[in-house]
Structure formats: C-alpha cells, structure tokens
C-alpha cells in the first residue's frame, strides 16, 4: 500500500496567494548564452513572495531559455560547438532564409531547447542548484533585443 504524501506546508495558515509580473528586455551580442540569473534573483527577492513558482517565458522563436552550469565557461562553448554541428547555418535543406543563413537554424535550435522555464522559489530566493544559472540562449549570429516575461505566484 502506498504511503501518504507528507504535507510540507499547511496552506490553511495563509491561503492568500500573490502574483507578480514583469517583462524585461535583454540585448544580446550574437549567438551564445546570456546570463540573467542575477537580474532574476534580485527581482524575486524584491517581490516579497517567499515561497512559490517562477515561470519565465521568452517571446521569440529564434532564442530560448536554459538552466545551465554557471561555473565552467567551457560548458557553454561545448554547447555551441554541439549545436553548430547539429544545425548548420546555411544548410541547403532549409528553405526559410528570409533573414539570412542563420534564420531557420535559429528556429530549429529554439525548437530543441525551451521557451519557458519553471523555477521554484524557496525562502525568497531561486531554488537553483549550486552550479546552475539562468540564461537567454541567443541562436542568431547578430545581437538582438529579446523580451522575457517573469510571472511569480506564491505567498
């Protein structure tokens, strides 16, 4: 017989959930991972919400979001080498190139990664692991302005 799930928090003590939203603009300098961890951490801390769930959503089809290692920069270079081999710019199999040879490959890269993330908020801070950071992953070769939405719900 399965054991009952232990309730870690008694919601009857504070049944009021609050929500906060913000949109930020990130200007990238071309293809690669752009760290937004510090900005997101400050925003969560200032929200006044102690425990909840943060959803992050990028409003683009040629960039994505990642939780990735933030200690060794070689991880980011290895990721880029992998994607460069997997999805080549200017590949003849792609017909959609209205914005250049990196256009369709950027869409494929975004389809293979994520456009939204869910991050737990614990005691007013992001519930990330020791070596995890939050990144906008720019898939275009030119720098672009990217819009990212934050939605935090909790108490």
C-alpha atoms as a PDB file:
ATOM      1  CA  UNK A   1       0.000   0.000   0.000  1.00  0.00           C
ATOM      2  CA  UNK A   2       1.460   3.416  -0.959  1.00  0.00           C
ATOM      3  CA  UNK A   3       2.448   5.733   1.847  1.00  0.00           C
ATOM      4  CA  UNK A   4       0.526   9.018   2.063  1.00  0.00           C
ATOM      5  CA  UNK A   5       2.318  12.104   0.787  1.00  0.00           C
ATOM      6  CA  UNK A   6       3.573  14.224   3.654  1.00  0.00           C
ATOM      7  CA  UNK A   7       2.302  17.799   3.577  1.00  0.00           C
ATOM      8  CA  UNK A   8       5.290  20.111   3.915  1.00  0.00           C
ATOM      9  CA  UNK A   9       3.250  23.271   4.284  1.00  0.00           C
ATOM     10  CA  UNK A  10      -0.161  23.880   5.818  1.00  0.00           C
ATOM     11  CA  UNK A  11      -1.931  26.186   3.331  1.00  0.00           C
ATOM     12  CA  UNK A  12      -4.721  26.879   5.819  1.00  0.00           C
ATOM     13  CA  UNK A  13      -2.282  29.136   7.713  1.00  0.00           C
ATOM     14  CA  UNK A  14      -2.070  31.585   4.791  1.00  0.00           C
ATOM     15  CA  UNK A  15      -4.498  30.833   1.966  1.00  0.00           C
ATOM     16  CA  UNK A  16      -3.724  34.077   0.106  1.00  0.00           C
ATOM     17  CA  UNK A  17      -1.599  33.638  -2.986  1.00  0.00           C
ATOM     18  CA  UNK A  18       0.017  36.682  -4.589  1.00  0.00           C
ATOM     19  CA  UNK A  19       1.271  37.209  -8.111  1.00  0.00           C
ATOM     20  CA  UNK A  20       3.885  39.471  -9.669  1.00  0.00           C
ATOM     21  CA  UNK A  21       4.753  40.000 -13.318  1.00  0.00           C
ATOM     22  CA  UNK A  22       7.462  41.834 -15.198  1.00  0.00           C
ATOM     23  CA  UNK A  23       8.818  41.993 -18.710  1.00  0.00           C
ATOM     24  CA  UNK A  24      12.496  42.729 -19.249  1.00  0.00           C
ATOM     25  CA  UNK A  25      14.463  43.408 -22.375  1.00  0.00           C
ATOM     26  CA  UNK A  26      17.816  41.708 -22.907  1.00  0.00           C
ATOM     27  CA  UNK A  27      20.162  42.899 -25.639  1.00  0.00           C
ATOM     28  CA  UNK A  28      22.371  40.064 -26.802  1.00  0.00           C
ATOM     29  CA  UNK A  29      25.616  40.438 -28.700  1.00  0.00           C
ATOM     30  CA  UNK A  30      25.017  37.491 -31.011  1.00  0.00           C
ATOM     31  CA  UNK A  31      24.904  33.740 -30.669  1.00  0.00           C
ATOM     32  CA  UNK A  32      25.565  32.373 -27.203  1.00  0.00           C
ATOM     33  CA  UNK A  33      24.274  32.189 -23.640  1.00  0.00           C
ATOM     34  CA  UNK A  34      23.493  35.436 -21.824  1.00  0.00           C
ATOM     35  CA  UNK A  35      23.298  35.142 -18.039  1.00  0.00           C
ATOM     36  CA  UNK A  36      20.143  36.625 -16.483  1.00  0.00           C
ATOM     37  CA  UNK A  37      20.457  34.898 -13.086  1.00  0.00           C
ATOM     38  CA  UNK A  38      21.404  37.997 -11.091  1.00  0.00           C
ATOM     39  CA  UNK A  39      18.606  40.118 -12.552  1.00  0.00           C
ATOM     40  CA  UNK A  40      16.003  37.400 -11.921  1.00  0.00           C
ATOM     41  CA  UNK A  41      17.322  36.773  -8.386  1.00  0.00           C
ATOM     42  CA  UNK A  42      17.071  40.471  -7.475  1.00  0.00           C
ATOM     43  CA  UNK A  43      13.550  40.694  -8.887  1.00  0.00           C
ATOM     44  CA  UNK A  44      12.391  37.616  -6.944  1.00  0.00           C
ATOM     45  CA  UNK A  45      13.947  38.910  -3.705  1.00  0.00           C
ATOM     46  CA  UNK A  46      12.248  42.304  -4.136  1.00  0.00           C
ATOM     47  CA  UNK A  47       8.858  40.726  -4.883  1.00  0.00           C
ATOM     48  CA  UNK A  48       8.117  39.932  -1.253  1.00  0.00           C
ATOM     49  CA  UNK A  49       6.978  36.439  -2.216  1.00  0.00           C
ATOM     50  CA  UNK A  50       8.777  33.915  -0.034  1.00  0.00           C
ATOM     51  CA  UNK A  51       7.661  30.586  -1.494  1.00  0.00           C
ATOM     52  CA  UNK A  52       6.149  29.885  -4.876  1.00  0.00           C
ATOM     53  CA  UNK A  53       6.829  29.204  -8.519  1.00  0.00           C
ATOM     54  CA  UNK A  54       8.502  31.455 -11.059  1.00  0.00           C
ATOM     55  CA  UNK A  55       7.690  30.992 -14.722  1.00  0.00           C
ATOM     56  CA  UNK A  56       9.998  32.631 -17.251  1.00  0.00           C
ATOM     57  CA  UNK A  57       8.932  32.908 -20.890  1.00  0.00           C
ATOM     58  CA  UNK A  58      10.845  34.309 -23.878  1.00  0.00           C
ATOM     59  CA  UNK A  59       8.711  35.978 -26.545  1.00  0.00           C
ATOM     60  CA  UNK A  60      10.730  34.825 -29.564  1.00  0.00           C
ATOM     61  CA  UNK A  61      11.077  31.853 -31.918  1.00  0.00           C
ATOM     62  CA  UNK A  62      14.808  32.157 -32.568  1.00  0.00           C
ATOM     63  CA  UNK A  63      16.046  32.355 -28.965  1.00  0.00           C
ATOM     64  CA  UNK A  64      15.390  30.208 -25.932  1.00  0.00           C
ATOM     65  CA  UNK A  65      15.904  29.850 -22.186  1.00  0.00           C
ATOM     66  CA  UNK A  66      18.187  27.423 -20.381  1.00  0.00           C
ATOM     67  CA  UNK A  67      19.128  26.367 -16.904  1.00  0.00           C
ATOM     68  CA  UNK A  68      22.796  25.568 -17.340  1.00  0.00           C
ATOM     69  CA  UNK A  69      26.085  25.277 -15.484  1.00  0.00           C
ATOM     70  CA  UNK A  70      27.419  28.672 -14.423  1.00  0.00           C
ATOM     71  CA  UNK A  71      30.872  27.655 -13.203  1.00  0.00           C
ATOM     72  CA  UNK A  72      32.925  26.438 -16.158  1.00  0.00           C
ATOM     73  CA  UNK A  73      32.535  28.595 -19.297  1.00  0.00           C
ATOM     74  CA  UNK A  74      33.758  25.658 -21.377  1.00  0.00           C
ATOM     75  CA  UNK A  75      30.283  24.115 -20.918  1.00  0.00           C
ATOM     76  CA  UNK A  76      28.775  26.998 -22.892  1.00  0.00           C
ATOM     77  CA  UNK A  77      31.409  26.722 -25.620  1.00  0.00           C
ATOM     78  CA  UNK A  78      30.812  22.955 -25.831  1.00  0.00           C
ATOM     79  CA  UNK A  79      27.055  23.539 -26.170  1.00  0.00           C
ATOM     80  CA  UNK A  80      27.650  25.960 -29.011  1.00  0.00           C
ATOM     81  CA  UNK A  81      30.029  23.536 -30.757  1.00  0.00           C
ATOM     82  CA  UNK A  82      27.394  20.804 -30.434  1.00  0.00           C
ATOM     83  CA  UNK A  83      24.599  22.968 -31.888  1.00  0.00           C
ATOM     84  CA  UNK A  84      26.877  24.238 -34.676  1.00  0.00           C
ATOM     85  CA  UNK A  85      27.460  20.630 -35.723  1.00  0.00           C
ATOM     86  CA  UNK A  86      23.830  19.567 -35.243  1.00  0.00           C
ATOM     87  CA  UNK A  87      22.180  22.528 -37.028  1.00  0.00           C
ATOM     88  CA  UNK A  88      24.475  24.186 -39.575  1.00  0.00           C
ATOM     89  CA  UNK A  89      23.915  27.734 -40.782  1.00  0.00           C
ATOM     90  CA  UNK A  90      23.059  27.885 -44.480  1.00  0.00           C
ATOM     91  CA  UNK A  91      22.242  24.173 -44.717  1.00  0.00           C
ATOM     92  CA  UNK A  92      20.704  23.533 -48.168  1.00  0.00           C
ATOM     93  CA  UNK A  93      17.838  21.540 -46.630  1.00  0.00           C
ATOM     94  CA  UNK A  94      16.337  24.766 -45.248  1.00  0.00           C
ATOM     95  CA  UNK A  95      14.133  26.887 -47.491  1.00  0.00           C
ATOM     96  CA  UNK A  96      13.253  29.574 -44.915  1.00  0.00           C
ATOM     97  CA  UNK A  97      16.173  32.015 -45.002  1.00  0.00           C
ATOM     98  CA  UNK A  98      14.350  35.334 -45.279  1.00  0.00           C
ATOM     99  CA  UNK A  99      16.600  36.864 -42.617  1.00  0.00           C
ATOM    100  CA  UNK A 100      19.837  35.141 -43.609  1.00  0.00           C
ATOM    101  CA  UNK A 101      21.556  31.758 -43.412  1.00  0.00           C
ATOM    102  CA  UNK A 102      21.223  31.607 -39.599  1.00  0.00           C
ATOM    103  CA  UNK A 103      17.440  32.221 -39.687  1.00  0.00           C
ATOM    104  CA  UNK A 104      15.999  28.697 -39.937  1.00  0.00           C
ATOM    105  CA  UNK A 105      18.825  27.122 -37.899  1.00  0.00           C
ATOM    106  CA  UNK A 106      17.909  29.555 -35.093  1.00  0.00           C
ATOM    107  CA  UNK A 107      14.299  28.336 -35.201  1.00  0.00           C
ATOM    108  CA  UNK A 108      15.436  24.696 -35.067  1.00  0.00           C
ATOM    109  CA  UNK A 109      17.741  25.441 -32.120  1.00  0.00           C
ATOM    110  CA  UNK A 110      14.853  27.123 -30.274  1.00  0.00           C
ATOM    111  CA  UNK A 111      12.585  24.143 -31.020  1.00  0.00           C
ATOM    112  CA  UNK A 112      15.190  21.801 -29.500  1.00  0.00           C
ATOM    113  CA  UNK A 113      15.563  23.846 -26.318  1.00  0.00           C
ATOM    114  CA  UNK A 114      12.934  25.694 -24.245  1.00  0.00           C
ATOM    115  CA  UNK A 115      10.932  28.879 -24.488  1.00  0.00           C
ATOM    116  CA  UNK A 116       9.770  28.707 -20.860  1.00  0.00           C
ATOM    117  CA  UNK A 117      11.171  27.591 -17.523  1.00  0.00           C
ATOM    118  CA  UNK A 118       9.614  26.911 -14.122  1.00  0.00           C
ATOM    119  CA  UNK A 119      11.831  27.654 -11.134  1.00  0.00           C
ATOM    120  CA  UNK A 120      10.800  27.051  -7.505  1.00  0.00           C
ATOM    121  CA  UNK A 121      11.146  29.988  -5.141  1.00  0.00           C
ATOM    122  CA  UNK A 122      12.176  28.950  -1.632  1.00  0.00           C
ATOM    123  CA  UNK A 123      12.589  31.406   1.250  1.00  0.00           C
ATOM    124  CA  UNK A 124      12.569  34.358  -1.159  1.00  0.00           C
ATOM    125  CA  UNK A 125      15.293  33.010  -3.453  1.00  0.00           C
ATOM    126  CA  UNK A 126      15.530  30.973  -6.630  1.00  0.00           C
ATOM    127  CA  UNK A 127      15.657  27.252  -5.877  1.00  0.00           C
ATOM    128  CA  UNK A 128      18.599  26.675  -8.203  1.00  0.00           C
ATOM    129  CA  UNK A 129      21.403  24.215  -7.536  1.00  0.00           C
ATOM    130  CA  UNK A 130      24.940  25.298  -6.665  1.00  0.00           C
ATOM    131  CA  UNK A 131      26.221  25.407 -10.238  1.00  0.00           C
ATOM    132  CA  UNK A 132      23.026  26.409 -12.056  1.00  0.00           C
ATOM    133  CA  UNK A 133      22.327  29.709 -13.774  1.00  0.00           C
ATOM    134  CA  UNK A 134      19.517  31.083 -15.934  1.00  0.00           C
ATOM    135  CA  UNK A 135      20.350  32.034 -19.496  1.00  0.00           C
ATOM    136  CA  UNK A 136      18.843  33.536 -22.597  1.00  0.00           C
ATOM    137  CA  UNK A 137      20.263  31.419 -25.412  1.00  0.00           C
ATOM    138  CA  UNK A 138      20.580  33.607 -28.492  1.00  0.00           C
ATOM    139  CA  UNK A 139      20.505  31.494 -31.647  1.00  0.00           C
ATOM    140  CA  UNK A 140      21.014  34.289 -34.195  1.00  0.00           C
ATOM    141  CA  UNK A 141      24.530  35.425 -35.127  1.00  0.00           C
ATOM    142  CA  UNK A 142      23.697  39.120 -34.780  1.00  0.00           C
ATOM    143  CA  UNK A 143      22.854  40.784 -31.492  1.00  0.00           C
ATOM    144  CA  UNK A 144      19.147  41.318 -30.920  1.00  0.00           C
ATOM    145  CA  UNK A 145      16.825  42.729 -28.302  1.00  0.00           C
ATOM    146  CA  UNK A 146      14.904  39.901 -26.590  1.00  0.00           C
ATOM    147  CA  UNK A 147      11.812  40.246 -24.410  1.00  0.00           C
ATOM    148  CA  UNK A 148      11.479  37.931 -21.418  1.00  0.00           C
ATOM    149  CA  UNK A 149       8.403  37.689 -19.176  1.00  0.00           C
ATOM    150  CA  UNK A 150       8.531  36.739 -15.490  1.00  0.00           C
ATOM    151  CA  UNK A 151       5.458  35.515 -13.620  1.00  0.00           C
ATOM    152  CA  UNK A 152       5.782  34.665  -9.940  1.00  0.00           C
ATOM    153  CA  UNK A 153       2.973  33.154  -7.901  1.00  0.00           C
ATOM    154  CA  UNK A 154       3.247  32.281  -4.250  1.00  0.00           C
ATOM    155  CA  UNK A 155       2.938  33.508  -0.709  1.00  0.00           C
END
